[in-house]
Amino acid sequence: RIEAGRHTVVADCGVRLTGTVDQVVTSS
């Protein structure tokens, strides 16, 4: 699902790694 804003992505593989993704929603 696409929701505007900054989202944290967590990679769990014995350790937890995190990163962020900015989603932008446009319309016409």
PDB file of all heavy atoms in Angstrom:
ATOM      1  N   ARG A   1       0.859  -1.190   0.000  1.00  0.00           N
ATOM      2  CA  ARG A   1       0.000   0.000   0.000  1.00  0.00           C
ATOM      3  C   ARG A   1       0.888   1.229   0.000  1.00  0.00           C
ATOM      4  O   ARG A   1       1.984   1.221   0.552  1.00  0.00           O
ATOM      5  CB  ARG A   1      -0.963   0.008   1.183  1.00  0.00           C
ATOM      6  CG  ARG A   1      -0.308  -0.135   2.516  1.00  0.00           C
ATOM      7  CD  ARG A   1      -1.326  -0.462   3.610  1.00  0.00           C
ATOM      8  NE  ARG A   1      -0.613  -1.032   4.723  1.00  0.00           N
ATOM      9  CZ  ARG A   1      -0.521  -0.477   5.904  1.00  0.00           C
ATOM     10  NH1 ARG A   1      -1.108   0.656   6.152  1.00  0.00           N
ATOM     11  NH2 ARG A   1       0.152  -1.060   6.866  1.00  0.00           N
ATOM     12  N   ILE A   2       0.429   2.266  -0.642  1.00  0.00           N
ATOM     13  CA  ILE A   2       1.184   3.509  -0.753  1.00  0.00           C
ATOM     14  C   ILE A   2       0.527   4.541   0.155  1.00  0.00           C
ATOM     15  O   ILE A   2      -0.654   4.851   0.011  1.00  0.00           O
ATOM     16  CB  ILE A   2       1.200   4.027  -2.206  1.00  0.00           C
ATOM     17  CG1 ILE A   2       1.736   2.967  -3.153  1.00  0.00           C
ATOM     18  CG2 ILE A   2       2.001   5.314  -2.308  1.00  0.00           C
ATOM     19  CD1 ILE A   2       3.141   2.509  -2.882  1.00  0.00           C
ATOM     20  N   GLU A   3       1.308   5.036   1.088  1.00  0.00           N
ATOM     21  CA  GLU A   3       0.846   6.082   1.997  1.00  0.00           C
ATOM     22  C   GLU A   3       1.923   7.144   2.053  1.00  0.00           C
ATOM     23  O   GLU A   3       3.084   6.841   2.349  1.00  0.00           O
ATOM     24  CB  GLU A   3       0.600   5.513   3.394  1.00  0.00           C
ATOM     25  CG  GLU A   3      -0.529   4.506   3.457  1.00  0.00           C
ATOM     26  CD  GLU A   3      -0.681   3.889   4.836  1.00  0.00           C
ATOM     27  OE1 GLU A   3       0.081   4.242   5.746  1.00  0.00           O
ATOM     28  OE2 GLU A   3      -1.576   3.044   4.987  1.00  0.00           O
ATOM     29  N   ALA A   4       1.560   8.369   1.744  1.00  0.00           N
ATOM     30  CA  ALA A   4       2.531   9.453   1.718  1.00  0.00           C
ATOM     31  C   ALA A   4       3.243   9.591   3.059  1.00  0.00           C
ATOM     32  O   ALA A   4       2.652   9.397   4.116  1.00  0.00           O
ATOM     33  CB  ALA A   4       1.826  10.757   1.358  1.00  0.00           C
ATOM     34  N   GLY A   5       4.529   9.889   2.987  1.00  0.00           N
ATOM     35  CA  GLY A   5       5.312  10.129   4.191  1.00  0.00           C
ATOM     36  C   GLY A   5       6.578   9.292   4.223  1.00  0.00           C
ATOM     37  O   GLY A   5       6.902   8.567   3.292  1.00  0.00           O
ATOM     38  N   ARG A   6       7.307   9.410   5.314  1.00  0.00           N
ATOM     39  CA  ARG A   6       8.555   8.675   5.513  1.00  0.00           C
ATOM     40  C   ARG A   6       8.246   7.357   6.213  1.00  0.00           C
ATOM     41  O   ARG A   6       7.532   7.326   7.212  1.00  0.00           O
ATOM     42  CB  ARG A   6       9.513   9.503   6.353  1.00  0.00           C
ATOM     43  CG  ARG A   6      10.832   8.801   6.601  1.00  0.00           C
ATOM     44  CD  ARG A   6      11.901   9.739   7.010  1.00  0.00           C
ATOM     45  NE  ARG A   6      12.266  10.488   5.812  1.00  0.00           N
ATOM     46  CZ  ARG A   6      13.159  11.457   5.794  1.00  0.00           C
ATOM     47  NH1 ARG A   6      13.775  11.793   6.898  1.00  0.00           N
ATOM     48  NH2 ARG A   6      13.444  12.092   4.674  1.00  0.00           N
ATOM     49  N   HIS A   7       8.779   6.267   5.670  1.00  0.00           N
ATOM     50  CA  HIS A   7       8.540   4.937   6.210  1.00  0.00           C
ATOM     51  C   HIS A   7       9.880   4.271   6.541  1.00  0.00           C
ATOM     52  O   HIS A   7      10.818   4.338   5.746  1.00  0.00           O
ATOM     53  CB  HIS A   7       7.773   4.069   5.209  1.00  0.00           C
ATOM     54  CG  HIS A   7       6.445   4.657   4.846  1.00  0.00           C
ATOM     55  ND1 HIS A   7       5.324   4.469   5.616  1.00  0.00           N
ATOM     56  CD2 HIS A   7       6.076   5.465   3.826  1.00  0.00           C
ATOM     57  CE1 HIS A   7       4.314   5.116   5.071  1.00  0.00           C
ATOM     58  NE2 HIS A   7       4.757   5.736   3.982  1.00  0.00           N
ATOM     59  N   THR A   8       9.947   3.623   7.684  1.00  0.00           N
ATOM     60  CA  THR A   8      11.140   2.896   8.087  1.00  0.00           C
ATOM     61  C   THR A   8      11.052   1.465   7.574  1.00  0.00           C
ATOM     62  O   THR A   8      10.029   0.808   7.722  1.00  0.00           O
ATOM     63  CB  THR A   8      11.281   2.892   9.627  1.00  0.00           C
ATOM     64  OG1 THR A   8      11.377   4.255  10.068  1.00  0.00           O
ATOM     65  CG2 THR A   8      12.512   2.138  10.060  1.00  0.00           C
ATOM     66  N   VAL A   9      12.132   1.004   6.950  1.00  0.00           N
ATOM     67  CA  VAL A   9      12.229  -0.373   6.478  1.00  0.00           C
ATOM     68  C   VAL A   9      13.250  -1.071   7.375  1.00  0.00           C
ATOM     69  O   VAL A   9      14.354  -0.571   7.579  1.00  0.00           O
ATOM     70  CB  VAL A   9      12.669  -0.446   5.008  1.00  0.00           C
ATOM     71  CG1 VAL A   9      12.854  -1.891   4.567  1.00  0.00           C
ATOM     72  CG2 VAL A   9      11.657   0.263   4.123  1.00  0.00           C
ATOM     73  N   VAL A  10      12.854  -2.216   7.931  1.00  0.00           N
ATOM     74  CA  VAL A  10      13.720  -2.980   8.830  1.00  0.00           C
ATOM     75  C   VAL A  10      14.096  -4.291   8.158  1.00  0.00           C
ATOM     76  O   VAL A  10      13.222  -5.031   7.699  1.00  0.00           O
ATOM     77  CB  VAL A  10      13.019  -3.265  10.180  1.00  0.00           C
ATOM     78  CG1 VAL A  10      13.906  -4.121  11.082  1.00  0.00           C
ATOM     79  CG2 VAL A  10      12.631  -1.968  10.863  1.00  0.00           C
ATOM     80  N   ALA A  11      15.392  -4.571   8.083  1.00  0.00           N
ATOM     81  CA  ALA A  11      15.894  -5.852   7.572  1.00  0.00           C
ATOM     82  C   ALA A  11      16.348  -6.659   8.785  1.00  0.00           C
ATOM     83  O   ALA A  11      17.233  -6.236   9.526  1.00  0.00           O
ATOM     84  CB  ALA A  11      17.044  -5.629   6.606  1.00  0.00           C
ATOM     85  N   ASP A  12      15.728  -7.805   8.998  1.00  0.00           N
ATOM     86  CA  ASP A  12      16.062  -8.660  10.138  1.00  0.00           C
ATOM     87  C   ASP A  12      16.752  -9.911   9.606  1.00  0.00           C
ATOM     88  O   ASP A  12      16.161 -10.690   8.863  1.00  0.00           O
ATOM     89  CB  ASP A  12      14.790  -9.028  10.894  1.00  0.00           C
ATOM     90  CG  ASP A  12      15.081  -9.673  12.234  1.00  0.00           C
ATOM     91  OD1 ASP A  12      16.244 -10.039  12.494  1.00  0.00           O
ATOM     92  OD2 ASP A  12      14.134  -9.806  13.019  1.00  0.00           O
ATOM     93  N   CYS A  13      18.028 -10.094   9.997  1.00  0.00           N
ATOM     94  CA  CYS A  13      18.817 -11.209   9.486  1.00  0.00           C
ATOM     95  C   CYS A  13      19.789 -11.728  10.552  1.00  0.00           C
ATOM     96  O   CYS A  13      20.920 -12.066  10.261  1.00  0.00           O
ATOM     97  CB  CYS A  13      19.604 -10.779   8.253  1.00  0.00           C
ATOM     98  SG  CYS A  13      20.720  -9.395   8.564  1.00  0.00           S
ATOM     99  N   GLY A  14      19.340 -11.761  11.767  1.00  0.00           N
ATOM    100  CA  GLY A  14      20.234 -12.085  12.874  1.00  0.00           C
ATOM    101  C   GLY A  14      20.663 -10.801  13.569  1.00  0.00           C
ATOM    102  O   GLY A  14      20.910 -10.771  14.760  1.00  0.00           O
ATOM    103  N   VAL A  15      20.737  -9.725  12.802  1.00  0.00           N
ATOM    104  CA  VAL A  15      20.879  -8.360  13.306  1.00  0.00           C
ATOM    105  C   VAL A  15      19.761  -7.560  12.660  1.00  0.00           C
ATOM    106  O   VAL A  15      19.148  -8.004  11.690  1.00  0.00           O
ATOM    107  CB  VAL A  15      22.269  -7.745  12.951  1.00  0.00           C
ATOM    108  CG1 VAL A  15      23.377  -8.496  13.625  1.00  0.00           C
ATOM    109  CG2 VAL A  15      22.493  -7.685  11.461  1.00  0.00           C
ATOM    110  N   ARG A  16      19.477  -6.378  13.214  1.00  0.00           N
ATOM    111  CA  ARG A  16      18.416  -5.536  12.642  1.00  0.00           C
ATOM    112  C   ARG A  16      19.055  -4.315  11.996  1.00  0.00           C
ATOM    113  O   ARG A  16      19.728  -3.543  12.654  1.00  0.00           O
ATOM    114  CB  ARG A  16      17.428  -5.122  13.722  1.00  0.00           C
ATOM    115  CG  ARG A  16      16.554  -6.275  14.193  1.00  0.00           C
ATOM    116  CD  ARG A  16      15.641  -5.901  15.357  1.00  0.00           C
ATOM    117  NE  ARG A  16      14.743  -4.809  15.076  1.00  0.00           N
ATOM    118  CZ  ARG A  16      13.496  -4.952  14.622  1.00  0.00           C
ATOM    119  NH1 ARG A  16      13.027  -6.158  14.396  1.00  0.00           N
ATOM    120  NH2 ARG A  16      12.733  -3.916  14.414  1.00  0.00           N
ATOM    121  N   LEU A  17      18.810  -4.178  10.690  1.00  0.00           N
ATOM    122  CA  LEU A  17      19.289  -3.035   9.929  1.00  0.00           C
ATOM    123  C   LEU A  17      18.081  -2.195   9.552  1.00  0.00           C
ATOM    124  O   LEU A  17      17.030  -2.733   9.210  1.00  0.00           O
ATOM    125  CB  LEU A  17      20.013  -3.514   8.662  1.00  0.00           C
ATOM    126  CG  LEU A  17      21.114  -4.552   8.875  1.00  0.00           C
ATOM    127  CD1 LEU A  17      21.583  -5.116   7.537  1.00  0.00           C
ATOM    128  CD2 LEU A  17      22.283  -3.938   9.628  1.00  0.00           C
ATOM    129  N   THR A  18      18.214  -0.876   9.607  1.00  0.00           N
ATOM    130  CA  THR A  18      17.081  -0.006   9.282  1.00  0.00           C
ATOM    131  C   THR A  18      17.462   1.031   8.236  1.00  0.00           C
ATOM    132  O   THR A  18      18.617   1.424   8.115  1.00  0.00           O
ATOM    133  CB  THR A  18      16.539   0.728  10.532  1.00  0.00           C
ATOM    134  OG1 THR A  18      17.569   1.552  11.066  1.00  0.00           O
ATOM    135  CG2 THR A  18      16.064  -0.247  11.580  1.00  0.00           C
ATOM    136  N   GLY A  19      16.470   1.454   7.494  1.00  0.00           N
ATOM    137  CA  GLY A  19      16.607   2.528   6.512  1.00  0.00           C
ATOM    138  C   GLY A  19      15.256   3.192   6.355  1.00  0.00           C
ATOM    139  O   GLY A  19      14.255   2.708   6.881  1.00  0.00           O
ATOM    140  N   THR A  20      15.217   4.301   5.650  1.00  0.00           N
ATOM    141  CA  THR A  20      13.949   5.005   5.459  1.00  0.00           C
ATOM    142  C   THR A  20      13.654   5.187   3.978  1.00  0.00           C
ATOM    143  O   THR A  20      14.558   5.246   3.146  1.00  0.00           O
ATOM    144  CB  THR A  20      13.948   6.392   6.136  1.00  0.00           C
ATOM    145  OG1 THR A  20      15.019   7.167   5.610  1.00  0.00           O
ATOM    146  CG2 THR A  20      14.078   6.267   7.632  1.00  0.00           C
ATOM    147  N   VAL A  21      12.364   5.274   3.671  1.00  0.00           N
ATOM    148  CA  VAL A  21      11.872   5.505   2.312  1.00  0.00           C
ATOM    149  C   VAL A  21      10.820   6.598   2.395  1.00  0.00           C
ATOM    150  O   VAL A  21       9.937   6.557   3.248  1.00  0.00           O
ATOM    151  CB  VAL A  21      11.231   4.220   1.737  1.00  0.00           C
ATOM    152  CG1 VAL A  21      10.605   4.494   0.386  1.00  0.00           C
ATOM    153  CG2 VAL A  21      12.247   3.110   1.639  1.00  0.00           C
ATOM    154  N   ASP A  22      10.916   7.580   1.508  1.00  0.00           N
ATOM    155  CA  ASP A  22       9.895   8.612   1.418  1.00  0.00           C
ATOM    156  C   ASP A  22       8.950   8.263   0.278  1.00  0.00           C
ATOM    157  O   ASP A  22       9.387   8.054  -0.857  1.00  0.00           O
ATOM    158  CB  ASP A  22      10.516   9.981   1.153  1.00  0.00           C
ATOM    159  CG  ASP A  22      11.289  10.510   2.344  1.00  0.00           C
ATOM    160  OD1 ASP A  22      10.865  10.274   3.486  1.00  0.00           O
ATOM    161  OD2 ASP A  22      12.315  11.162   2.125  1.00  0.00           O
ATOM    162  N   GLN A  23       7.663   8.173   0.585  1.00  0.00           N
ATOM    163  CA  GLN A  23       6.653   7.921  -0.441  1.00  0.00           C
ATOM    164  C   GLN A  23       5.889   9.206  -0.697  1.00  0.00           C
ATOM    165  O   GLN A  23       5.460   9.879   0.234  1.00  0.00           O
ATOM    166  CB  GLN A  23       5.681   6.832   0.006  1.00  0.00           C
ATOM    167  CG  GLN A  23       6.292   5.466   0.072  1.00  0.00           C
ATOM    168  CD  GLN A  23       5.260   4.412   0.436  1.00  0.00           C
ATOM    169  OE1 GLN A  23       4.085   4.692   0.631  1.00  0.00           O
ATOM    170  NE2 GLN A  23       5.710   3.181   0.541  1.00  0.00           N
ATOM    171  N   VAL A  24       5.725   9.527  -1.972  1.00  0.00           N
ATOM    172  CA  VAL A  24       4.991  10.723  -2.374  1.00  0.00           C
ATOM    173  C   VAL A  24       3.833  10.278  -3.249  1.00  0.00           C
ATOM    174  O   VAL A  24       4.012   9.492  -4.171  1.00  0.00           O
ATOM    175  CB  VAL A  24       5.907  11.686  -3.159  1.00  0.00           C
ATOM    176  CG1 VAL A  24       5.140  12.903  -3.621  1.00  0.00           C
ATOM    177  CG2 VAL A  24       7.106  12.086  -2.308  1.00  0.00           C
ATOM    178  N   VAL A  25       2.648  10.771  -2.947  1.00  0.00           N
ATOM    179  CA  VAL A  25       1.455  10.422  -3.715  1.00  0.00           C
ATOM    180  C   VAL A  25       1.061  11.636  -4.542  1.00  0.00           C
ATOM    181  O   VAL A  25       0.944  12.742  -4.029  1.00  0.00           O
ATOM    182  CB  VAL A  25       0.296  10.012  -2.779  1.00  0.00           C
ATOM    183  CG1 VAL A  25      -0.950   9.695  -3.584  1.00  0.00           C
ATOM    184  CG2 VAL A  25       0.712   8.841  -1.919  1.00  0.00           C
ATOM    185  N   THR A  26       0.876  11.427  -5.849  1.00  0.00           N
ATOM    186  CA  THR A  26       0.426  12.505  -6.724  1.00  0.00           C
ATOM    187  C   THR A  26      -0.900  12.093  -7.348  1.00  0.00           C
ATOM    188  O   THR A  26      -1.229  10.920  -7.400  1.00  0.00           O
ATOM    189  CB  THR A  26       1.444  12.787  -7.840  1.00  0.00           C
ATOM    190  OG1 THR A  26       1.591  11.619  -8.638  1.00  0.00           O
ATOM    191  CG2 THR A  26       2.790  13.188  -7.269  1.00  0.00           C
ATOM    192  N   SER A  27      -1.643  13.074  -7.791  1.00  0.00           N
ATOM    193  CA  SER A  27      -2.913  12.755  -8.437  1.00  0.00           C
ATOM    194  C   SER A  27      -3.150  13.719  -9.581  1.00  0.00           C
ATOM    195  O   SER A  27      -2.555  14.782  -9.659  1.00  0.00           O
ATOM    196  CB  SER A  27      -4.066  12.836  -7.434  1.00  0.00           C
ATOM    197  OG  SER A  27      -4.204  14.165  -6.979  1.00  0.00           O
ATOM    198  N   SER A  28      -4.037  13.324 -10.457  1.00  0.00           N
ATOM    199  CA  SER A  28      -4.427  14.155 -11.587  1.00  0.00           C
ATOM    200  C   SER A  28      -5.935  14.037 -11.742  1.00  0.00           C
ATOM    201  O   SER A  28      -6.485  12.950 -11.669  1.00  0.00           O
ATOM    202  CB  SER A  28      -3.728  13.668 -12.858  1.00  0.00           C
ATOM    203  OG  SER A  28      -4.210  14.395 -13.954  1.00  0.00           O
TER     204      SER A  28
END
